[in-house]
Structure formats: C-alpha cells, structure tokens
Amino acid sequence: MWPQEATAFTFEAFCYMLAGAAAHLHIHLLRHLFIALDELKTDYKNPIDQCNTLNPFVLPDYLSHLL
C-alpha cells in the first residue's frame, strides 16, 4: 500500500533539473567554441572572418551568464 503522503514534483526538483539542462547546454556551446578556437591553429583566416564565425556561439554564452 502506498504511503499517505505522496511525493510530489516540487519546485526544488524542477530548479535542479533546469540547472542541469542549462549546464548541459553551456558545456555543449563551449565545446563548439573550443573546436572553433582550435581550428585557428590550422586555419589561416583573418581575425575578422574568425570573429564572424565565433559570434553566434559567444552571444548565447554571455546571455547564459546573465541568468
């Protein structure tokens, strides 16, 4: 028989899962950033072109730090 007090999905559990998902997303974005930075060693792009390819990854990272 089940206990009288049923366990519920609490706000703390939701926040914990949300923080885990945010950390996963952050690590995923950083992985792409590190790969792009590593390609600088072998790719001979000028700095302006390289920054144009990195900006889509950096801006979400800045936004994630605001939270």
N, C-alpha and C. Protein backbone atom coordinates (compact mmCIF):
# COMPACT_ATOMS: atom_id res chain seq x y z
N MET A 1 0.84 -1.18 0.00
CA MET A 1 0.00 0.00 0.00
C MET A 1 0.89 1.24 0.00
N TRP A 2 0.46 2.27 -0.73
CA TRP A 2 1.24 3.49 -0.84
C TRP A 2 1.17 4.29 0.45
N PRO A 3 2.20 5.06 0.73
CA PRO A 3 2.16 5.90 1.94
C PRO A 3 1.12 7.01 1.79
N GLN A 4 0.69 7.52 2.91
CA GLN A 4 -0.34 8.55 2.91
C GLN A 4 0.17 9.85 2.27
N GLU A 5 1.42 10.18 2.54
CA GLU A 5 1.98 11.40 1.95
C GLU A 5 2.64 11.04 0.62
N ALA A 6 2.01 11.45 -0.44
CA ALA A 6 2.56 11.16 -1.76
C ALA A 6 3.68 12.15 -2.07
N THR A 7 4.72 11.64 -2.67
CA THR A 7 5.80 12.54 -3.07
C THR A 7 5.36 13.31 -4.30
N ALA A 8 5.67 14.58 -4.32
CA ALA A 8 5.24 15.44 -5.41
C ALA A 8 6.46 15.99 -6.14
N PHE A 9 6.22 16.43 -7.32
CA PHE A 9 7.26 17.09 -8.11
C PHE A 9 7.36 18.51 -7.59
N THR A 10 8.38 18.78 -6.81
CA THR A 10 8.49 20.06 -6.13
C THR A 10 9.20 21.09 -7.00
N PHE A 11 9.10 22.32 -6.56
CA PHE A 11 9.77 23.42 -7.24
C PHE A 11 11.28 23.25 -7.18
N GLU A 12 11.79 22.72 -6.08
CA GLU A 12 13.23 22.49 -5.95
C GLU A 12 13.72 21.46 -6.96
N ALA A 13 12.93 20.42 -7.17
CA ALA A 13 13.30 19.41 -8.15
C ALA A 13 13.29 19.99 -9.56
N PHE A 14 12.31 20.84 -9.83
CA PHE A 14 12.26 21.50 -11.14
C PHE A 14 13.47 22.40 -11.36
N CYS A 15 13.84 23.17 -10.34
CA CYS A 15 15.01 24.05 -10.45
C CYS A 15 16.28 23.24 -10.63
N TYR A 16 16.39 22.12 -9.95
CA TYR A 16 17.56 21.26 -10.09
C TYR A 16 17.68 20.73 -11.51
N MET A 17 16.57 20.29 -12.08
CA MET A 17 16.60 19.78 -13.46
C MET A 17 16.86 20.90 -14.46
N LEU A 18 16.31 22.08 -14.20
CA LEU A 18 16.54 23.22 -15.08
C LEU A 18 18.01 23.63 -15.04
N ALA A 19 18.62 23.62 -13.86
CA ALA A 19 20.05 23.95 -13.76
C ALA A 19 20.89 22.90 -14.47
N GLY A 20 20.52 21.65 -14.39
CA GLY A 20 21.25 20.60 -15.10
C GLY A 20 21.15 20.77 -16.60
N ALA A 21 19.97 21.13 -17.09
CA ALA A 21 19.79 21.35 -18.52
C ALA A 21 20.58 22.57 -18.98
N ALA A 22 20.60 23.62 -18.16
CA ALA A 22 21.37 24.82 -18.52
C ALA A 22 22.86 24.52 -18.53
N ALA A 23 23.33 23.72 -17.58
CA ALA A 23 24.75 23.35 -17.56
C ALA A 23 25.10 22.50 -18.78
N HIS A 24 24.21 21.60 -19.16
CA HIS A 24 24.44 20.77 -20.34
C HIS A 24 24.52 21.64 -21.60
N LEU A 25 23.63 22.59 -21.72
CA LEU A 25 23.64 23.49 -22.88
C LEU A 25 24.91 24.33 -22.89
N HIS A 26 25.32 24.81 -21.73
CA HIS A 26 26.52 25.63 -21.63
C HIS A 26 27.75 24.83 -22.04
N ILE A 27 27.86 23.61 -21.58
CA ILE A 27 29.00 22.76 -21.94
C ILE A 27 28.99 22.47 -23.44
N HIS A 28 27.81 22.25 -24.00
CA HIS A 28 27.70 21.98 -25.43
C HIS A 28 28.17 23.19 -26.25
N LEU A 29 27.75 24.39 -25.84
CA LEU A 29 28.18 25.58 -26.56
C LEU A 29 29.68 25.82 -26.40
N LEU A 30 30.21 25.55 -25.23
CA LEU A 30 31.65 25.73 -25.02
C LEU A 30 32.46 24.73 -25.84
N ARG A 31 31.92 23.54 -26.02
CA ARG A 31 32.61 22.55 -26.84
C ARG A 31 32.77 23.06 -28.26
N HIS A 32 31.71 23.65 -28.81
CA HIS A 32 31.79 24.20 -30.16
C HIS A 32 32.74 25.39 -30.21
N LEU A 33 32.75 26.18 -29.15
CA LEU A 33 33.66 27.32 -29.11
C LEU A 33 35.11 26.85 -29.09
N PHE A 34 35.42 25.84 -28.30
CA PHE A 34 36.79 25.33 -28.23
C PHE A 34 37.23 24.69 -29.55
N ILE A 35 36.31 24.03 -30.21
CA ILE A 35 36.64 23.45 -31.52
C ILE A 35 36.95 24.57 -32.51
N ALA A 36 36.14 25.62 -32.48
CA ALA A 36 36.39 26.74 -33.39
C ALA A 36 37.71 27.42 -33.08
N LEU A 37 38.05 27.55 -31.79
CA LEU A 37 39.32 28.16 -31.43
C LEU A 37 40.49 27.25 -31.79
N ASP A 38 40.30 25.95 -31.70
CA ASP A 38 41.36 25.02 -32.06
C ASP A 38 41.63 25.05 -33.56
N GLU A 39 40.60 25.32 -34.34
CA GLU A 39 40.78 25.40 -35.78
C GLU A 39 41.62 26.60 -36.19
N LEU A 40 41.81 27.54 -35.28
CA LEU A 40 42.66 28.69 -35.59
C LEU A 40 44.11 28.26 -35.83
N LYS A 41 44.52 27.17 -35.20
CA LYS A 41 45.90 26.70 -35.37
C LYS A 41 46.17 26.25 -36.80
N THR A 42 45.17 25.64 -37.41
CA THR A 42 45.39 25.08 -38.75
C THR A 42 44.74 25.90 -39.85
N ASP A 43 43.83 26.77 -39.49
CA ASP A 43 43.13 27.56 -40.50
C ASP A 43 43.77 28.94 -40.56
N TYR A 44 43.94 29.43 -41.74
CA TYR A 44 44.60 30.72 -41.91
C TYR A 44 43.58 31.78 -42.32
N LYS A 45 42.58 31.98 -41.47
CA LYS A 45 41.60 33.03 -41.70
C LYS A 45 42.11 34.33 -41.09
N ASN A 46 41.60 35.42 -41.61
CA ASN A 46 41.94 36.67 -40.95
C ASN A 46 41.06 36.81 -39.70
N PRO A 47 41.45 37.65 -38.75
CA PRO A 47 40.72 37.73 -37.47
C PRO A 47 39.26 38.16 -37.62
N ILE A 48 38.96 38.99 -38.59
CA ILE A 48 37.58 39.46 -38.77
C ILE A 48 36.68 38.30 -39.17
N ASP A 49 37.11 37.47 -40.11
CA ASP A 49 36.31 36.32 -40.52
C ASP A 49 36.15 35.32 -39.38
N GLN A 50 37.20 35.14 -38.60
CA GLN A 50 37.11 34.20 -37.48
C GLN A 50 36.12 34.70 -36.43
N CYS A 51 36.14 35.99 -36.13
CA CYS A 51 35.19 36.54 -35.16
C CYS A 51 33.76 36.43 -35.67
N ASN A 52 33.56 36.56 -36.96
CA ASN A 52 32.21 36.43 -37.51
C ASN A 52 31.68 35.01 -37.33
N THR A 53 32.56 34.01 -37.36
CA THR A 53 32.10 32.64 -37.14
C THR A 53 31.92 32.33 -35.66
N LEU A 54 32.63 33.04 -34.77
CA LEU A 54 32.53 32.76 -33.33
C LEU A 54 31.41 33.53 -32.65
N ASN A 55 30.99 34.65 -33.18
CA ASN A 55 29.98 35.47 -32.53
C ASN A 55 28.67 34.74 -32.25
N PRO A 56 28.16 33.88 -33.13
CA PRO A 56 26.93 33.16 -32.79
C PRO A 56 27.07 32.25 -31.57
N PHE A 57 28.29 31.84 -31.23
CA PHE A 57 28.49 30.99 -30.06
C PHE A 57 28.75 31.82 -28.80
N VAL A 58 29.34 32.99 -28.96
CA VAL A 58 29.71 33.79 -27.80
C VAL A 58 28.50 34.52 -27.23
N LEU A 59 27.63 35.02 -28.07
CA LEU A 59 26.49 35.78 -27.57
C LEU A 59 25.55 34.95 -26.69
N PRO A 60 25.20 33.70 -27.04
CA PRO A 60 24.39 32.91 -26.10
C PRO A 60 25.13 32.61 -24.80
N ASP A 61 26.44 32.51 -24.87
CA ASP A 61 27.22 32.28 -23.65
C ASP A 61 27.12 33.49 -22.74
N TYR A 62 27.22 34.68 -23.29
CA TYR A 62 27.06 35.89 -22.48
C TYR A 62 25.66 35.96 -21.88
N LEU A 63 24.66 35.60 -22.65
CA LEU A 63 23.28 35.62 -22.14
C LEU A 63 23.08 34.60 -21.03
N SER A 64 23.75 33.46 -21.13
CA SER A 64 23.60 32.45 -20.07
C SER A 64 24.25 32.91 -18.78
N HIS A 65 25.28 33.75 -18.86
CA HIS A 65 25.92 34.26 -17.65
C HIS A 65 25.07 35.35 -16.99
N LEU A 66 24.18 35.98 -17.74
CA LEU A 66 23.30 36.98 -17.15
C LEU A 66 22.28 36.33 -16.21
N LEU A 67 21.93 35.09 -16.50
CA LEU A 67 20.95 34.41 -15.66
C LEU A 67 21.64 33.97 -14.41
